[in-house]
Amino acid sequence: MSNKLLIAFCVICISATYVEAHEGLFVKMSVGPGLMLENSRINGSGFTMVTKNHAIGWGFNEKFSLFIGEFGGLINKKVGEYNFINLDAFGVGLSYNTPFNVRASVMGAYSKVSLAHNWWEATGVNDGNGFGINFSVEKEWIIAKRWGVGIDTQVFYLKTLETDYQFINFSINFMVTFYLTPVH
């Protein structure tokens, strides 16, 4: 019985605590549609069925945060015998938060391009590794002490070194963010 009271007391204390801005641990999930341009081997454009821009990070003051993240997209585009292109990138980034809950982020990453017959074959056949860079601008509305929702516009560039693909992707995503430390 005393353990339940202690847990209830901790939950109440944590929920009632406020701090300024976005300090501490956060987790961001962002998905949405986009448009892909490829100017080297495929030399065309395509609809990006779903793009992603996820992050886990730490806000170390009111304005700046560091994070590790993942971005990429699944593109419905025929390449040889394959029907889909999967772009994945994993890296580190930095965000700047404005007082109006608008955040600008940049991330550098290791990237991978995979080709697949079906959309559910997320990894498919590896068709090159390289680097990527992501720039995003996000508008967030805090809906609860620890939760925010928003719109995430992103532009990313991926280049493979072995196969010389060069992708540019533009997207508008829906975003949900969880903050371990309550947001004021």
N, C-alpha and C. Protein backbone atom coordinates (compact mmCIF):
# COMPACT_ATOMS: atom_id res chain seq x y z
N MET A 1 0.82 -1.19 0.00
CA MET A 1 0.00 0.00 0.00
C MET A 1 0.86 1.26 0.00
N SER A 2 1.94 1.26 0.77
CA SER A 2 2.80 2.45 0.84
C SER A 2 3.52 2.70 -0.48
N ASN A 3 3.83 1.64 -1.23
CA ASN A 3 4.47 1.82 -2.54
C ASN A 3 3.52 2.53 -3.51
N LYS A 4 2.24 2.19 -3.46
CA LYS A 4 1.26 2.83 -4.33
C LYS A 4 1.11 4.31 -3.98
N LEU A 5 1.13 4.63 -2.68
CA LEU A 5 1.05 6.03 -2.27
C LEU A 5 2.29 6.80 -2.70
N LEU A 6 3.46 6.19 -2.57
CA LEU A 6 4.71 6.82 -2.99
C LEU A 6 4.69 7.09 -4.50
N ILE A 7 4.24 6.10 -5.28
CA ILE A 7 4.17 6.27 -6.73
C ILE A 7 3.17 7.38 -7.08
N ALA A 8 2.01 7.37 -6.44
CA ALA A 8 1.00 8.41 -6.70
C ALA A 8 1.54 9.79 -6.34
N PHE A 9 2.24 9.90 -5.21
CA PHE A 9 2.83 11.18 -4.79
C PHE A 9 3.85 11.65 -5.83
N CYS A 10 4.71 10.76 -6.31
CA CYS A 10 5.73 11.13 -7.32
C CYS A 10 5.07 11.59 -8.61
N VAL A 11 4.02 10.87 -9.05
CA VAL A 11 3.33 11.25 -10.29
C VAL A 11 2.72 12.64 -10.15
N ILE A 12 2.09 12.92 -9.03
CA ILE A 12 1.47 14.23 -8.80
C ILE A 12 2.53 15.32 -8.76
N CYS A 13 3.63 15.08 -8.06
CA CYS A 13 4.70 16.09 -7.98
C CYS A 13 5.32 16.35 -9.35
N ILE A 14 5.56 15.30 -10.12
CA ILE A 14 6.16 15.47 -11.44
C ILE A 14 5.19 16.21 -12.36
N SER A 15 3.90 15.88 -12.30
CA SER A 15 2.91 16.53 -13.16
C SER A 15 2.69 17.99 -12.82
N ALA A 16 2.87 18.37 -11.57
CA ALA A 16 2.60 19.74 -11.14
C ALA A 16 3.80 20.66 -11.29
N THR A 17 4.96 20.14 -11.65
CA THR A 17 6.18 20.92 -11.74
C THR A 17 6.26 21.62 -13.10
N TYR A 18 6.69 22.90 -13.08
CA TYR A 18 6.89 23.64 -14.32
C TYR A 18 8.32 24.15 -14.40
N VAL A 19 8.84 24.23 -15.62
CA VAL A 19 10.13 24.86 -15.87
C VAL A 19 9.95 25.77 -17.07
N GLU A 20 10.90 26.63 -17.30
CA GLU A 20 10.85 27.51 -18.47
C GLU A 20 11.29 26.75 -19.72
N ALA A 21 10.61 27.01 -20.81
CA ALA A 21 10.95 26.54 -22.15
C ALA A 21 11.07 25.03 -22.26
N HIS A 22 11.93 24.56 -23.15
CA HIS A 22 12.02 23.15 -23.51
C HIS A 22 13.32 22.55 -22.99
N GLU A 23 13.47 22.49 -21.70
CA GLU A 23 14.69 21.93 -21.13
C GLU A 23 14.48 20.45 -20.83
N GLY A 24 15.54 19.67 -20.98
CA GLY A 24 15.48 18.26 -20.66
C GLY A 24 15.23 17.37 -21.87
N LEU A 25 14.95 16.11 -21.57
CA LEU A 25 14.78 15.08 -22.58
C LEU A 25 13.48 15.26 -23.37
N PHE A 26 13.55 15.02 -24.69
CA PHE A 26 12.35 15.04 -25.53
C PHE A 26 12.43 13.94 -26.57
N VAL A 27 11.26 13.52 -27.05
CA VAL A 27 11.14 12.55 -28.13
C VAL A 27 10.17 13.13 -29.15
N LYS A 28 10.60 13.23 -30.41
CA LYS A 28 9.77 13.81 -31.48
C LYS A 28 9.52 12.76 -32.55
N MET A 29 8.26 12.62 -32.95
CA MET A 29 7.87 11.75 -34.06
C MET A 29 7.19 12.63 -35.11
N SER A 30 7.62 12.50 -36.36
CA SER A 30 7.10 13.37 -37.41
C SER A 30 6.97 12.57 -38.71
N VAL A 31 5.76 12.54 -39.28
CA VAL A 31 5.53 11.83 -40.54
C VAL A 31 4.61 12.65 -41.44
N GLY A 32 4.76 12.45 -42.75
CA GLY A 32 3.91 13.15 -43.71
C GLY A 32 4.34 12.87 -45.14
N PRO A 33 3.60 13.37 -46.12
CA PRO A 33 3.93 13.16 -47.53
C PRO A 33 4.98 14.15 -48.03
N GLY A 34 5.53 13.85 -49.20
CA GLY A 34 6.54 14.74 -49.74
C GLY A 34 6.73 14.58 -51.24
N LEU A 35 7.72 15.27 -51.76
CA LEU A 35 8.09 15.24 -53.17
C LEU A 35 9.59 15.03 -53.27
N MET A 36 10.02 14.08 -54.11
CA MET A 36 11.42 13.73 -54.29
C MET A 36 11.90 14.17 -55.66
N LEU A 37 13.13 14.67 -55.71
CA LEU A 37 13.81 14.98 -56.97
C LEU A 37 15.14 14.22 -56.96
N GLU A 38 15.48 13.58 -58.08
CA GLU A 38 16.76 12.88 -58.20
C GLU A 38 17.38 13.31 -59.51
N ASN A 39 18.60 13.84 -59.45
CA ASN A 39 19.19 14.47 -60.63
C ASN A 39 20.37 13.73 -61.23
N SER A 40 20.71 12.54 -60.75
CA SER A 40 21.91 11.89 -61.28
C SER A 40 21.59 10.62 -62.07
N ARG A 41 21.14 9.57 -61.42
CA ARG A 41 20.93 8.30 -62.12
C ARG A 41 19.48 8.12 -62.58
N ILE A 42 18.52 8.43 -61.73
CA ILE A 42 17.11 8.27 -62.09
C ILE A 42 16.66 9.46 -62.93
N ASN A 43 17.15 10.63 -62.58
CA ASN A 43 16.87 11.88 -63.29
C ASN A 43 15.37 12.12 -63.43
N GLY A 44 14.70 12.19 -62.28
CA GLY A 44 13.27 12.42 -62.30
C GLY A 44 12.76 12.80 -60.93
N SER A 45 11.44 12.85 -60.83
CA SER A 45 10.82 13.18 -59.56
C SER A 45 9.80 12.11 -59.22
N GLY A 46 9.32 12.13 -57.98
CA GLY A 46 8.33 11.16 -57.56
C GLY A 46 7.66 11.58 -56.29
N PHE A 47 6.51 10.97 -56.02
CA PHE A 47 5.76 11.22 -54.81
C PHE A 47 6.37 10.42 -53.67
N THR A 48 6.68 11.10 -52.57
CA THR A 48 7.16 10.41 -51.38
C THR A 48 5.93 10.08 -50.54
N MET A 49 5.59 8.79 -50.50
CA MET A 49 4.37 8.36 -49.81
C MET A 49 4.39 8.76 -48.35
N VAL A 50 5.51 8.54 -47.71
CA VAL A 50 5.64 8.93 -46.30
C VAL A 50 7.09 9.34 -46.05
N THR A 51 7.26 10.48 -45.40
CA THR A 51 8.59 10.89 -44.95
C THR A 51 8.59 10.86 -43.43
N LYS A 52 9.78 10.79 -42.87
CA LYS A 52 9.91 10.76 -41.41
C LYS A 52 11.01 11.72 -41.00
N ASN A 53 10.87 12.21 -39.78
CA ASN A 53 11.87 13.10 -39.20
C ASN A 53 11.74 12.94 -37.67
N HIS A 54 12.34 11.88 -37.14
CA HIS A 54 12.22 11.54 -35.72
C HIS A 54 13.49 11.98 -34.98
N ALA A 55 13.34 12.26 -33.68
CA ALA A 55 14.50 12.68 -32.89
C ALA A 55 14.30 12.34 -31.41
N ILE A 56 15.42 12.07 -30.76
CA ILE A 56 15.50 11.97 -29.30
C ILE A 56 16.62 12.90 -28.90
N GLY A 57 16.32 13.83 -28.00
CA GLY A 57 17.35 14.82 -27.69
C GLY A 57 17.23 15.42 -26.32
N TRP A 58 18.05 16.43 -26.10
CA TRP A 58 18.14 17.11 -24.81
C TRP A 58 18.18 18.61 -25.04
N GLY A 59 17.19 19.31 -24.49
CA GLY A 59 17.20 20.77 -24.50
C GLY A 59 18.02 21.25 -23.32
N PHE A 60 19.15 21.90 -23.60
CA PHE A 60 20.04 22.27 -22.50
C PHE A 60 19.87 23.70 -22.04
N ASN A 61 19.05 24.49 -22.69
CA ASN A 61 18.60 25.79 -22.21
C ASN A 61 17.34 26.17 -22.96
N GLU A 62 16.88 27.38 -22.82
CA GLU A 62 15.62 27.79 -23.45
C GLU A 62 15.66 27.77 -24.97
N LYS A 63 16.84 27.89 -25.55
CA LYS A 63 16.92 28.08 -27.00
C LYS A 63 17.53 26.92 -27.78
N PHE A 64 18.42 26.15 -27.19
CA PHE A 64 19.17 25.16 -27.95
C PHE A 64 18.94 23.74 -27.44
N SER A 65 18.96 22.80 -28.38
CA SER A 65 18.92 21.39 -28.02
C SER A 65 19.77 20.60 -29.00
N LEU A 66 20.33 19.51 -28.50
CA LEU A 66 21.08 18.55 -29.30
C LEU A 66 20.25 17.29 -29.39
N PHE A 67 20.37 16.57 -30.52
CA PHE A 67 19.57 15.36 -30.66
C PHE A 67 20.24 14.36 -31.60
N ILE A 68 19.83 13.11 -31.47
CA ILE A 68 20.13 12.10 -32.47
C ILE A 68 18.82 11.86 -33.21
N GLY A 69 18.90 11.63 -34.50
CA GLY A 69 17.66 11.52 -35.24
C GLY A 69 17.74 10.63 -36.45
N GLU A 70 16.57 10.47 -37.03
CA GLU A 70 16.41 9.66 -38.23
C GLU A 70 15.49 10.43 -39.17
N PHE A 71 15.86 10.48 -40.44
CA PHE A 71 14.98 11.07 -41.44
C PHE A 71 15.05 10.23 -42.71
N GLY A 72 14.08 10.40 -43.57
CA GLY A 72 14.06 9.65 -44.82
C GLY A 72 12.68 9.61 -45.40
N GLY A 73 12.49 8.70 -46.35
CA GLY A 73 11.19 8.59 -47.00
C GLY A 73 11.06 7.34 -47.84
N LEU A 74 9.83 6.98 -48.13
CA LEU A 74 9.50 5.86 -49.00
C LEU A 74 8.87 6.44 -50.27
N ILE A 75 9.51 6.19 -51.40
CA ILE A 75 9.12 6.81 -52.66
C ILE A 75 8.55 5.77 -53.61
N ASN A 76 7.40 6.06 -54.18
CA ASN A 76 6.78 5.18 -55.17
C ASN A 76 7.31 5.57 -56.54
N LYS A 77 8.41 4.93 -56.95
CA LYS A 77 9.08 5.28 -58.22
C LYS A 77 9.73 4.01 -58.78
N LYS A 78 9.48 3.71 -60.03
CA LYS A 78 10.06 2.52 -60.67
C LYS A 78 11.52 2.79 -61.01
N VAL A 79 12.39 1.88 -60.54
CA VAL A 79 13.83 1.92 -60.85
C VAL A 79 14.22 0.51 -61.28
N GLY A 80 14.44 0.31 -62.57
CA GLY A 80 14.73 -1.03 -63.07
C GLY A 80 13.56 -1.95 -62.78
N GLU A 81 13.83 -3.08 -62.12
CA GLU A 81 12.77 -4.03 -61.77
C GLU A 81 12.08 -3.70 -60.46
N TYR A 82 12.52 -2.68 -59.76
CA TYR A 82 11.99 -2.33 -58.44
C TYR A 82 10.95 -1.22 -58.54
N ASN A 83 9.99 -1.21 -57.61
CA ASN A 83 8.90 -0.25 -57.62
C ASN A 83 9.02 0.85 -56.57
N PHE A 84 9.86 0.66 -55.56
CA PHE A 84 9.95 1.60 -54.45
C PHE A 84 11.40 1.90 -54.11
N ILE A 85 11.63 3.13 -53.67
CA ILE A 85 12.94 3.58 -53.18
C ILE A 85 12.77 3.95 -51.71
N ASN A 86 13.61 3.40 -50.86
CA ASN A 86 13.56 3.72 -49.44
C ASN A 86 14.82 4.51 -49.07
N LEU A 87 14.64 5.70 -48.54
CA LEU A 87 15.75 6.55 -48.11
C LEU A 87 15.78 6.56 -46.59
N ASP A 88 16.93 6.27 -46.01
CA ASP A 88 17.11 6.29 -44.55
C ASP A 88 18.38 7.03 -44.21
N ALA A 89 18.31 7.81 -43.14
CA ALA A 89 19.50 8.51 -42.66
C ALA A 89 19.45 8.60 -41.14
N PHE A 90 20.58 8.37 -40.49
CA PHE A 90 20.70 8.43 -39.04
C PHE A 90 21.86 9.36 -38.69
N GLY A 91 21.61 10.33 -37.78
CA GLY A 91 22.67 11.27 -37.48
C GLY A 91 22.44 12.08 -36.22
N VAL A 92 23.16 13.18 -36.13
CA VAL A 92 23.08 14.09 -34.98
C VAL A 92 22.74 15.50 -35.49
N GLY A 93 22.08 16.26 -34.60
CA GLY A 93 21.67 17.59 -35.02
C GLY A 93 21.58 18.58 -33.89
N LEU A 94 21.28 19.81 -34.27
CA LEU A 94 21.15 20.94 -33.35
C LEU A 94 19.88 21.70 -33.71
N SER A 95 19.13 22.11 -32.67
CA SER A 95 17.90 22.89 -32.87
C SER A 95 18.00 24.22 -32.16
N TYR A 96 17.37 25.23 -32.74
CA TYR A 96 17.23 26.54 -32.12
C TYR A 96 15.74 26.81 -31.95
N ASN A 97 15.31 27.09 -30.71
CA ASN A 97 13.90 27.36 -30.39
C ASN A 97 13.68 28.85 -30.24
N THR A 98 12.64 29.37 -30.90
CA THR A 98 12.28 30.78 -30.73
C THR A 98 11.23 30.89 -29.63
N PRO A 99 10.97 32.08 -29.12
CA PRO A 99 9.94 32.26 -28.10
C PRO A 99 8.52 31.93 -28.59
N PHE A 100 8.31 31.82 -29.88
CA PHE A 100 6.99 31.56 -30.43
C PHE A 100 6.76 30.09 -30.75
N ASN A 101 7.56 29.20 -30.16
CA ASN A 101 7.49 27.76 -30.40
C ASN A 101 7.71 27.40 -31.87
N VAL A 102 8.59 28.13 -32.52
CA VAL A 102 9.07 27.78 -33.85
C VAL A 102 10.51 27.33 -33.67
N ARG A 103 10.82 26.18 -34.25
CA ARG A 103 12.15 25.59 -34.06
C ARG A 103 12.79 25.36 -35.43
N ALA A 104 14.05 25.74 -35.56
CA ALA A 104 14.83 25.46 -36.76
C ALA A 104 15.89 24.43 -36.38
N SER A 105 16.00 23.37 -37.19
CA SER A 105 16.94 22.28 -36.89
C SER A 105 17.76 21.94 -38.11
N VAL A 106 18.98 21.50 -37.86
CA VAL A 106 19.83 20.98 -38.91
C VAL A 106 20.46 19.69 -38.39
N MET A 107 20.58 18.69 -39.29
CA MET A 107 21.13 17.39 -38.89
C MET A 107 22.02 16.87 -40.01
N GLY A 108 23.18 16.35 -39.64
CA GLY A 108 24.07 15.66 -40.56
C GLY A 108 23.98 14.17 -40.27
N ALA A 109 24.04 13.32 -41.32
CA ALA A 109 23.74 11.92 -41.10
C ALA A 109 24.46 10.99 -42.07
N TYR A 110 24.55 9.74 -41.66
CA TYR A 110 24.92 8.61 -42.52
C TYR A 110 23.64 8.18 -43.23
N SER A 111 23.69 7.95 -44.54
CA SER A 111 22.46 7.62 -45.26
C SER A 111 22.60 6.31 -46.03
N LYS A 112 21.44 5.76 -46.36
CA LYS A 112 21.36 4.50 -47.09
C LYS A 112 20.18 4.56 -48.05
N VAL A 113 20.36 4.05 -49.26
CA VAL A 113 19.29 3.95 -50.25
C VAL A 113 19.04 2.47 -50.51
N SER A 114 17.76 2.07 -50.42
CA SER A 114 17.37 0.69 -50.69
C SER A 114 16.28 0.68 -51.76
N LEU A 115 16.28 -0.38 -52.56
CA LEU A 115 15.26 -0.56 -53.58
C LEU A 115 14.42 -1.79 -53.20
N ALA A 116 13.10 -1.74 -53.46
CA ALA A 116 12.23 -2.84 -53.07
C ALA A 116 11.13 -3.04 -54.10
N HIS A 117 10.62 -4.28 -54.18
CA HIS A 117 9.50 -4.59 -55.06
C HIS A 117 8.18 -4.10 -54.46
N ASN A 118 8.03 -4.24 -53.12
CA ASN A 118 6.80 -3.88 -52.41
C ASN A 118 7.09 -2.88 -51.32
N TRP A 119 6.10 -2.07 -50.95
CA TRP A 119 6.31 -1.03 -49.94
C TRP A 119 6.63 -1.61 -48.57
N TRP A 120 6.17 -2.81 -48.26
CA TRP A 120 6.43 -3.39 -46.93
C TRP A 120 7.83 -3.97 -46.81
N GLU A 121 8.58 -4.06 -47.88
CA GLU A 121 9.98 -4.48 -47.82
C GLU A 121 10.83 -3.24 -47.55
N ALA A 122 10.80 -2.81 -46.31
CA ALA A 122 11.42 -1.52 -45.97
C ALA A 122 12.91 -1.47 -46.29
N THR A 123 13.62 -2.54 -46.10
CA THR A 123 15.05 -2.50 -46.36
C THR A 123 15.39 -2.85 -47.79
N GLY A 124 14.74 -3.84 -48.37
CA GLY A 124 14.95 -4.19 -49.76
C GLY A 124 16.40 -4.49 -50.08
N VAL A 125 16.82 -4.14 -51.29
CA VAL A 125 18.18 -4.37 -51.77
C VAL A 125 18.98 -3.09 -51.55
N ASN A 126 20.12 -3.20 -50.86
CA ASN A 126 20.95 -2.03 -50.60
C ASN A 126 21.53 -1.52 -51.91
N ASP A 127 21.30 -0.25 -52.19
CA ASP A 127 21.82 0.33 -53.43
C ASP A 127 22.69 1.55 -53.16
N GLY A 128 23.36 1.55 -52.02
CA GLY A 128 24.33 2.60 -51.77
C GLY A 128 24.25 3.23 -50.41
N ASN A 129 25.40 3.58 -49.88
CA ASN A 129 25.53 4.29 -48.61
C ASN A 129 26.22 5.61 -48.87
N GLY A 130 25.95 6.58 -48.00
CA GLY A 130 26.58 7.88 -48.18
C GLY A 130 26.29 8.81 -47.04
N PHE A 131 25.96 10.04 -47.36
CA PHE A 131 25.72 11.04 -46.32
C PHE A 131 24.43 11.80 -46.64
N GLY A 132 23.91 12.45 -45.62
CA GLY A 132 22.70 13.24 -45.80
C GLY A 132 22.71 14.46 -44.89
N ILE A 133 21.93 15.45 -45.25
CA ILE A 133 21.75 16.63 -44.41
C ILE A 133 20.26 16.98 -44.44
N ASN A 134 19.74 17.36 -43.29
CA ASN A 134 18.33 17.68 -43.15
C ASN A 134 18.21 19.07 -42.53
N PHE A 135 17.32 19.87 -43.10
CA PHE A 135 16.99 21.16 -42.51
C PHE A 135 15.48 21.18 -42.32
N SER A 136 15.03 21.51 -41.11
CA SER A 136 13.59 21.55 -40.86
C SER A 136 13.22 22.78 -40.05
N VAL A 137 12.00 23.26 -40.29
CA VAL A 137 11.41 24.35 -39.52
C VAL A 137 10.08 23.81 -39.00
N GLU A 138 9.89 23.90 -37.68
CA GLU A 138 8.73 23.32 -37.04
C GLU A 138 7.96 24.37 -36.26
N LYS A 139 6.66 24.32 -36.33
CA LYS A 139 5.79 25.14 -35.49
C LYS A 139 5.07 24.19 -34.55
N GLU A 140 5.19 24.47 -33.26
CA GLU A 140 4.63 23.56 -32.26
C GLU A 140 3.64 24.29 -31.36
N TRP A 141 2.56 23.58 -31.00
CA TRP A 141 1.58 24.07 -30.04
C TRP A 141 1.61 23.12 -28.86
N ILE A 142 1.85 23.65 -27.69
CA ILE A 142 1.86 22.83 -26.48
C ILE A 142 0.41 22.58 -26.08
N ILE A 143 0.02 21.29 -26.01
CA ILE A 143 -1.37 20.96 -25.70
C ILE A 143 -1.52 20.42 -24.28
N ALA A 144 -0.43 20.06 -23.64
CA ALA A 144 -0.43 19.59 -22.25
C ALA A 144 0.96 19.85 -21.68
N LYS A 145 1.14 19.61 -20.40
CA LYS A 145 2.42 19.92 -19.77
C LYS A 145 3.61 19.25 -20.44
N ARG A 146 3.40 18.08 -20.98
CA ARG A 146 4.51 17.32 -21.57
C ARG A 146 4.32 17.03 -23.06
N TRP A 147 3.26 17.51 -23.68
CA TRP A 147 2.95 17.14 -25.05
C TRP A 147 2.82 18.37 -25.95
N GLY A 148 3.38 18.23 -27.14
CA GLY A 148 3.22 19.25 -28.16
C GLY A 148 2.84 18.60 -29.48
N VAL A 149 2.09 19.31 -30.30
CA VAL A 149 1.77 18.86 -31.65
C VAL A 149 2.15 20.00 -32.59
N GLY A 150 2.38 19.66 -33.84
CA GLY A 150 2.76 20.73 -34.75
C GLY A 150 2.92 20.30 -36.19
N ILE A 151 3.41 21.24 -36.97
CA ILE A 151 3.71 21.05 -38.39
C ILE A 151 5.22 21.14 -38.55
N ASP A 152 5.78 20.20 -39.29
CA ASP A 152 7.23 20.11 -39.50
C ASP A 152 7.47 20.15 -41.01
N THR A 153 8.06 21.23 -41.50
CA THR A 153 8.46 21.28 -42.91
C THR A 153 9.94 20.92 -42.98
N GLN A 154 10.28 20.02 -43.87
CA GLN A 154 11.67 19.61 -43.96
C GLN A 154 12.14 19.51 -45.39
N VAL A 155 13.42 19.75 -45.58
CA VAL A 155 14.11 19.54 -46.84
C VAL A 155 15.33 18.71 -46.49
N PHE A 156 15.51 17.60 -47.20
CA PHE A 156 16.74 16.85 -46.97
C PHE A 156 17.41 16.45 -48.28
N TYR A 157 18.70 16.25 -48.18
CA TYR A 157 19.55 15.88 -49.31
C TYR A 157 20.29 14.62 -48.92
N LEU A 158 20.27 13.61 -49.79
CA LEU A 158 21.02 12.37 -49.58
C LEU A 158 21.88 12.11 -50.81
N LYS A 159 23.10 11.69 -50.59
CA LYS A 159 24.00 11.33 -51.68
C LYS A 159 24.67 10.01 -51.33
N THR A 160 24.63 9.07 -52.27
CA THR A 160 25.34 7.80 -52.06
C THR A 160 26.72 7.91 -52.70
N LEU A 161 27.68 7.26 -52.08
CA LEU A 161 29.05 7.34 -52.58
C LEU A 161 29.34 6.28 -53.64
N GLU A 162 28.84 5.04 -53.44
CA GLU A 162 29.13 3.96 -54.38
C GLU A 162 28.33 4.08 -55.67
N THR A 163 27.04 4.43 -55.55
CA THR A 163 26.15 4.41 -56.71
C THR A 163 25.80 5.80 -57.23
N ASP A 164 26.24 6.83 -56.57
CA ASP A 164 26.12 8.21 -57.01
C ASP A 164 24.68 8.71 -57.18
N TYR A 165 23.76 8.25 -56.32
CA TYR A 165 22.43 8.84 -56.29
C TYR A 165 22.52 10.18 -55.56
N GLN A 166 21.67 11.13 -55.98
CA GLN A 166 21.55 12.41 -55.30
C GLN A 166 20.07 12.75 -55.18
N PHE A 167 19.53 12.61 -53.97
CA PHE A 167 18.11 12.86 -53.73
C PHE A 167 17.92 14.16 -52.97
N ILE A 168 16.89 14.91 -53.36
CA ILE A 168 16.41 16.05 -52.59
C ILE A 168 14.93 15.79 -52.34
N ASN A 169 14.52 15.95 -51.09
CA ASN A 169 13.13 15.68 -50.73
C ASN A 169 12.55 16.88 -49.97
N PHE A 170 11.33 17.27 -50.34
CA PHE A 170 10.59 18.33 -49.66
C PHE A 170 9.35 17.69 -49.05
N SER A 171 9.04 18.04 -47.79
CA SER A 171 7.84 17.46 -47.19
C SER A 171 7.26 18.37 -46.12
N ILE A 172 5.98 18.13 -45.84
CA ILE A 172 5.27 18.76 -44.73
C ILE A 172 4.73 17.62 -43.88
N ASN A 173 5.12 17.59 -42.62
CA ASN A 173 4.79 16.48 -41.74
C ASN A 173 3.95 16.93 -40.56
N PHE A 174 3.19 16.00 -40.01
CA PHE A 174 2.51 16.18 -38.74
C PHE A 174 3.46 15.70 -37.66
N MET A 175 3.57 16.43 -36.55
CA MET A 175 4.57 16.17 -35.53
C MET A 175 3.92 16.04 -34.15
N VAL A 176 4.43 15.10 -33.36
CA VAL A 176 4.04 14.95 -31.96
C VAL A 176 5.33 14.89 -31.15
N THR A 177 5.40 15.67 -30.07
CA THR A 177 6.59 15.69 -29.22
C THR A 177 6.20 15.43 -27.77
N PHE A 178 6.99 14.57 -27.12
CA PHE A 178 6.83 14.32 -25.69
C PHE A 178 8.04 14.89 -24.97
N TYR A 179 7.80 15.66 -23.90
CA TYR A 179 8.88 16.24 -23.09
C TYR A 179 8.85 15.57 -21.73
N LEU A 180 9.99 15.04 -21.30
CA LEU A 180 10.07 14.44 -19.97
C LEU A 180 9.89 15.49 -18.89
N THR A 181 10.45 16.66 -19.10
CA THR A 181 10.29 17.78 -18.18
C THR A 181 9.12 18.62 -18.68
N PRO A 182 8.16 18.97 -17.84
CA PRO A 182 7.01 19.75 -18.31
C PRO A 182 7.42 21.06 -18.94
N VAL A 183 6.66 21.47 -19.93
CA VAL A 183 6.92 22.71 -20.67
C VAL A 183 6.01 23.80 -20.10
N HIS A 184 6.56 24.97 -19.96
CA HIS A 184 5.80 26.11 -19.42
C HIS A 184 5.31 26.98 -20.55
